[in-house]
Amino acid sequence: MAKKGKEKNTRNKTLHTKLINKKKNRLKKEQLTRKEKLKEIITKANKTNPNND
């Protein structure tokens, strides 16, 4: 027989998935900004020292 009433544990699951999605988005954003900063640094270094191979 099925239980009557509210489903158990759905609220915790939804909160958990929201938290995990926020964390994933934050990490992706940080990773992209890090890549952009590194690209800027590399291009700046190559402009100042082009014969430094």
PDB file of N, CA and C in Angstrom:
ATOM      1  N   MET A   1       0.831  -1.178   0.000  1.00  0.00           N
ATOM      2  CA  MET A   1       0.000   0.000   0.000  1.00  0.00           C
ATOM      3  C   MET A   1       0.883   1.251   0.000  1.00  0.00           C
ATOM      4  N   ALA A   2       0.425   2.216  -0.721  1.00  0.00           N
ATOM      5  CA  ALA A   2       1.155   3.470  -0.788  1.00  0.00           C
ATOM      6  C   ALA A   2       0.860   4.312   0.450  1.00  0.00           C
ATOM      7  N   LYS A   3       1.833   5.100   0.820  1.00  0.00           N
ATOM      8  CA  LYS A   3       1.649   5.962   1.984  1.00  0.00           C
ATOM      9  C   LYS A   3       0.831   7.182   1.605  1.00  0.00           C
ATOM     10  N   LYS A   4       0.056   7.649   2.549  1.00  0.00           N
ATOM     11  CA  LYS A   4      -0.712   8.864   2.314  1.00  0.00           C
ATOM     12  C   LYS A   4       0.055  10.050   2.873  1.00  0.00           C
ATOM     13  N   GLY A   5      -0.246  11.220   2.340  1.00  0.00           N
ATOM     14  CA  GLY A   5       0.382  12.423   2.860  1.00  0.00           C
ATOM     15  C   GLY A   5       1.542  12.882   2.001  1.00  0.00           C
ATOM     16  N   LYS A   6       2.338  13.737   2.596  1.00  0.00           N
ATOM     17  CA  LYS A   6       3.459  14.347   1.904  1.00  0.00           C
ATOM     18  C   LYS A   6       4.568  13.319   1.638  1.00  0.00           C
ATOM     19  N   GLU A   7       5.231  13.476   0.495  1.00  0.00           N
ATOM     20  CA  GLU A   7       6.364  12.603   0.217  1.00  0.00           C
ATOM     21  C   GLU A   7       7.513  12.955   1.147  1.00  0.00           C
ATOM     22  N   LYS A   8       8.207  11.950   1.564  1.00  0.00           N
ATOM     23  CA  LYS A   8       9.286  12.153   2.521  1.00  0.00           C
ATOM     24  C   LYS A   8      10.562  12.585   1.799  1.00  0.00           C
ATOM     25  N   ASN A   9      11.249  13.521   2.369  1.00  0.00           N
ATOM     26  CA  ASN A   9      12.608  13.883   1.971  1.00  0.00           C
ATOM     27  C   ASN A   9      12.721  14.648   0.651  1.00  0.00           C
ATOM     28  N   THR A  10      11.624  15.061   0.040  1.00  0.00           N
ATOM     29  CA  THR A  10      11.758  15.763  -1.238  1.00  0.00           C
ATOM     30  C   THR A  10      12.304  17.166  -1.046  1.00  0.00           C
ATOM     31  N   ARG A  11      11.969  17.799   0.048  1.00  0.00           N
ATOM     32  CA  ARG A  11      12.447  19.163   0.279  1.00  0.00           C
ATOM     33  C   ARG A  11      13.967  19.176   0.436  1.00  0.00           C
ATOM     34  N   ASN A  12      14.498  18.241   1.194  1.00  0.00           N
ATOM     35  CA  ASN A  12      15.948  18.174   1.369  1.00  0.00           C
ATOM     36  C   ASN A  12      16.652  17.914   0.045  1.00  0.00           C
ATOM     37  N   LYS A  13      16.049  17.049  -0.770  1.00  0.00           N
ATOM     38  CA  LYS A  13      16.660  16.736  -2.060  1.00  0.00           C
ATOM     39  C   LYS A  13      16.693  17.961  -2.954  1.00  0.00           C
ATOM     40  N   THR A  14      15.607  18.718  -2.973  1.00  0.00           N
ATOM     41  CA  THR A  14      15.585  19.904  -3.830  1.00  0.00           C
ATOM     42  C   THR A  14      16.589  20.940  -3.351  1.00  0.00           C
ATOM     43  N   LEU A  15      16.683  21.123  -2.039  1.00  0.00           N
ATOM     44  CA  LEU A  15      17.660  22.077  -1.507  1.00  0.00           C
ATOM     45  C   LEU A  15      19.078  21.639  -1.837  1.00  0.00           C
ATOM     46  N   HIS A  16      19.317  20.355  -1.740  1.00  0.00           N
ATOM     47  CA  HIS A  16      20.641  19.819  -2.016  1.00  0.00           C
ATOM     48  C   HIS A  16      21.003  20.019  -3.483  1.00  0.00           C
ATOM     49  N   THR A  17      20.068  19.747  -4.386  1.00  0.00           N
ATOM     50  CA  THR A  17      20.369  19.923  -5.804  1.00  0.00           C
ATOM     51  C   THR A  17      20.604  21.393  -6.129  1.00  0.00           C
ATOM     52  N   LYS A  18      19.852  22.286  -5.481  1.00  0.00           N
ATOM     53  CA  LYS A  18      20.081  23.715  -5.699  1.00  0.00           C
ATOM     54  C   LYS A  18      21.484  24.098  -5.260  1.00  0.00           C
ATOM     55  N   LEU A  19      21.895  23.610  -4.088  1.00  0.00           N
ATOM     56  CA  LEU A  19      23.238  23.917  -3.588  1.00  0.00           C
ATOM     57  C   LEU A  19      24.320  23.381  -4.519  1.00  0.00           C
ATOM     58  N   ILE A  20      24.142  22.148  -4.971  1.00  0.00           N
ATOM     59  CA  ILE A  20      25.131  21.532  -5.847  1.00  0.00           C
ATOM     60  C   ILE A  20      25.212  22.292  -7.166  1.00  0.00           C
ATOM     61  N   ASN A  21      24.071  22.703  -7.705  1.00  0.00           N
ATOM     62  CA  ASN A  21      24.071  23.465  -8.955  1.00  0.00           C
ATOM     63  C   ASN A  21      24.748  24.808  -8.780  1.00  0.00           C
ATOM     64  N   LYS A  22      24.514  25.472  -7.647  1.00  0.00           N
ATOM     65  CA  LYS A  22      25.187  26.744  -7.372  1.00  0.00           C
ATOM     66  C   LYS A  22      26.698  26.544  -7.325  1.00  0.00           C
ATOM     67  N   LYS A  23      27.115  25.474  -6.657  1.00  0.00           N
ATOM     68  CA  LYS A  23      28.536  25.196  -6.526  1.00  0.00           C
ATOM     69  C   LYS A  23      29.165  24.928  -7.893  1.00  0.00           C
ATOM     70  N   LYS A  24      28.493  24.123  -8.729  1.00  0.00           N
ATOM     71  CA  LYS A  24      29.011  23.825 -10.056  1.00  0.00           C
ATOM     72  C   LYS A  24      29.136  25.088 -10.891  1.00  0.00           C
ATOM     73  N   ASN A  25      28.111  25.939 -10.843  1.00  0.00           N
ATOM     74  CA  ASN A  25      28.146  27.180 -11.609  1.00  0.00           C
ATOM     75  C   ASN A  25      29.262  28.095 -11.132  1.00  0.00           C
ATOM     76  N   ARG A  26      29.440  28.178  -9.821  1.00  0.00           N
ATOM     77  CA  ARG A  26      30.495  29.015  -9.265  1.00  0.00           C
ATOM     78  C   ARG A  26      31.867  28.518  -9.703  1.00  0.00           C
ATOM     79  N   LEU A  27      32.074  27.202  -9.666  1.00  0.00           N
ATOM     80  CA  LEU A  27      33.360  26.645 -10.055  1.00  0.00           C
ATOM     81  C   LEU A  27      33.640  26.874 -11.534  1.00  0.00           C
ATOM     82  N   LYS A  28      32.612  26.720 -12.383  1.00  0.00           N
ATOM     83  CA  LYS A  28      32.791  26.966 -13.806  1.00  0.00           C
ATOM     84  C   LYS A  28      33.154  28.422 -14.058  1.00  0.00           C
ATOM     85  N   LYS A  29      32.472  29.319 -13.354  1.00  0.00           N
ATOM     86  CA  LYS A  29      32.728  30.745 -13.515  1.00  0.00           C
ATOM     87  C   LYS A  29      34.156  31.085 -13.093  1.00  0.00           C
ATOM     88  N   GLU A  30      34.589  30.549 -11.958  1.00  0.00           N
ATOM     89  CA  GLU A  30      35.947  30.786 -11.480  1.00  0.00           C
ATOM     90  C   GLU A  30      36.977  30.245 -12.456  1.00  0.00           C
ATOM     91  N   GLN A  31      36.685  29.079 -13.018  1.00  0.00           N
ATOM     92  CA  GLN A  31      37.614  28.465 -13.958  1.00  0.00           C
ATOM     93  C   GLN A  31      37.742  29.318 -15.220  1.00  0.00           C
ATOM     94  N   LEU A  32      36.627  29.847 -15.713  1.00  0.00           N
ATOM     95  CA  LEU A  32      36.671  30.695 -16.892  1.00  0.00           C
ATOM     96  C   LEU A  32      37.431  31.988 -16.628  1.00  0.00           C
ATOM     97  N   THR A  33      37.188  32.609 -15.488  1.00  0.00           N
ATOM     98  CA  THR A  33      37.893  33.852 -15.180  1.00  0.00           C
ATOM     99  C   THR A  33      39.385  33.594 -15.013  1.00  0.00           C
ATOM    100  N   ARG A  34      39.733  32.460 -14.428  1.00  0.00           N
ATOM    101  CA  ARG A  34      41.142  32.107 -14.261  1.00  0.00           C
ATOM    102  C   ARG A  34      41.814  31.947 -15.622  1.00  0.00           C
ATOM    103  N   LYS A  35      41.126  31.261 -16.548  1.00  0.00           N
ATOM    104  CA  LYS A  35      41.678  31.080 -17.885  1.00  0.00           C
ATOM    105  C   LYS A  35      41.879  32.417 -18.581  1.00  0.00           C
ATOM    106  N   GLU A  36      40.890  33.301 -18.457  1.00  0.00           N
ATOM    107  CA  GLU A  36      41.000  34.607 -19.090  1.00  0.00           C
ATOM    108  C   GLU A  36      42.165  35.407 -18.526  1.00  0.00           C
ATOM    109  N   LYS A  37      42.327  35.374 -17.214  1.00  0.00           N
ATOM    110  CA  LYS A  37      43.436  36.097 -16.579  1.00  0.00           C
ATOM    111  C   LYS A  37      44.782  35.549 -17.053  1.00  0.00           C
ATOM    112  N   LEU A  38      44.878  34.216 -17.137  1.00  0.00           N
ATOM    113  CA  LEU A  38      46.128  33.613 -17.589  1.00  0.00           C
ATOM    114  C   LEU A  38      46.436  33.986 -19.038  1.00  0.00           C
ATOM    115  N   LYS A  39      45.392  34.012 -19.876  1.00  0.00           N
ATOM    116  CA  LYS A  39      45.597  34.411 -21.268  1.00  0.00           C
ATOM    117  C   LYS A  39      46.112  35.839 -21.349  1.00  0.00           C
ATOM    118  N   GLU A  40      45.545  36.737 -20.541  1.00  0.00           N
ATOM    119  CA  GLU A  40      45.998  38.121 -20.531  1.00  0.00           C
ATOM    120  C   GLU A  40      47.447  38.218 -20.098  1.00  0.00           C
ATOM    121  N   ILE A  41      47.797  37.471 -19.061  1.00  0.00           N
ATOM    122  CA  ILE A  41      49.175  37.496 -18.564  1.00  0.00           C
ATOM    123  C   ILE A  41      50.133  36.971 -19.625  1.00  0.00           C
ATOM    124  N   ILE A  42      49.756  35.894 -20.300  1.00  0.00           N
ATOM    125  CA  ILE A  42      50.622  35.302 -21.321  1.00  0.00           C
ATOM    126  C   ILE A  42      50.810  36.255 -22.488  1.00  0.00           C
ATOM    127  N   THR A  43      49.725  36.881 -22.936  1.00  0.00           N
ATOM    128  CA  THR A  43      49.849  37.809 -24.059  1.00  0.00           C
ATOM    129  C   THR A  43      50.692  39.016 -23.676  1.00  0.00           C
ATOM    130  N   LYS A  44      50.523  39.487 -22.456  1.00  0.00           N
ATOM    131  CA  LYS A  44      51.308  40.625 -21.978  1.00  0.00           C
ATOM    132  C   LYS A  44      52.793  40.253 -21.912  1.00  0.00           C
ATOM    133  N   ALA A  45      53.085  39.051 -21.431  1.00  0.00           N
ATOM    134  CA  ALA A  45      54.474  38.599 -21.329  1.00  0.00           C
ATOM    135  C   ALA A  45      55.080  38.412 -22.708  1.00  0.00           C
ATOM    136  N   ASN A  46      54.292  37.902 -23.651  1.00  0.00           N
ATOM    137  CA  ASN A  46      54.811  37.711 -25.008  1.00  0.00           C
ATOM    138  C   ASN A  46      55.061  39.038 -25.706  1.00  0.00           C
ATOM    139  N   LYS A  47      54.282  40.045 -25.400  1.00  0.00           N
ATOM    140  CA  LYS A  47      54.504  41.357 -26.010  1.00  0.00           C
ATOM    141  C   LYS A  47      55.779  42.003 -25.489  1.00  0.00           C
ATOM    142  N   THR A  48      56.053  41.838 -24.199  1.00  0.00           N
ATOM    143  CA  THR A  48      57.233  42.472 -23.634  1.00  0.00           C
ATOM    144  C   THR A  48      58.512  41.724 -23.976  1.00  0.00           C
ATOM    145  N   ASN A  49      58.463  40.386 -24.047  1.00  0.00           N
ATOM    146  CA  ASN A  49      59.639  39.577 -24.341  1.00  0.00           C
ATOM    147  C   ASN A  49      59.374  38.633 -25.519  1.00  0.00           C
ATOM    148  N   PRO A  50      59.345  39.128 -26.748  1.00  0.00           N
ATOM    149  CA  PRO A  50      59.023  38.238 -27.860  1.00  0.00           C
ATOM    150  C   PRO A  50      60.161  37.284 -28.219  1.00  0.00           C
ATOM    151  N   ASN A  51      61.404  37.598 -27.864  1.00  0.00           N
ATOM    152  CA  ASN A  51      62.551  36.746 -28.223  1.00  0.00           C
ATOM    153  C   ASN A  51      62.989  35.869 -27.056  1.00  0.00           C
ATOM    154  N   ASN A  52      62.107  35.547 -26.170  1.00  0.00           N
ATOM    155  CA  ASN A  52      62.445  34.780 -24.968  1.00  0.00           C
ATOM    156  C   ASN A  52      62.023  33.319 -25.129  1.00  0.00           C
ATOM    157  N   ASP A  53      62.466  32.660 -26.203  1.00  0.00           N
ATOM    158  CA  ASP A  53      62.083  31.256 -26.418  1.00  0.00           C
ATOM    159  C   ASP A  53      63.103  30.316 -25.892  1.00  0.00           C
TER     160      ASP A  53
END
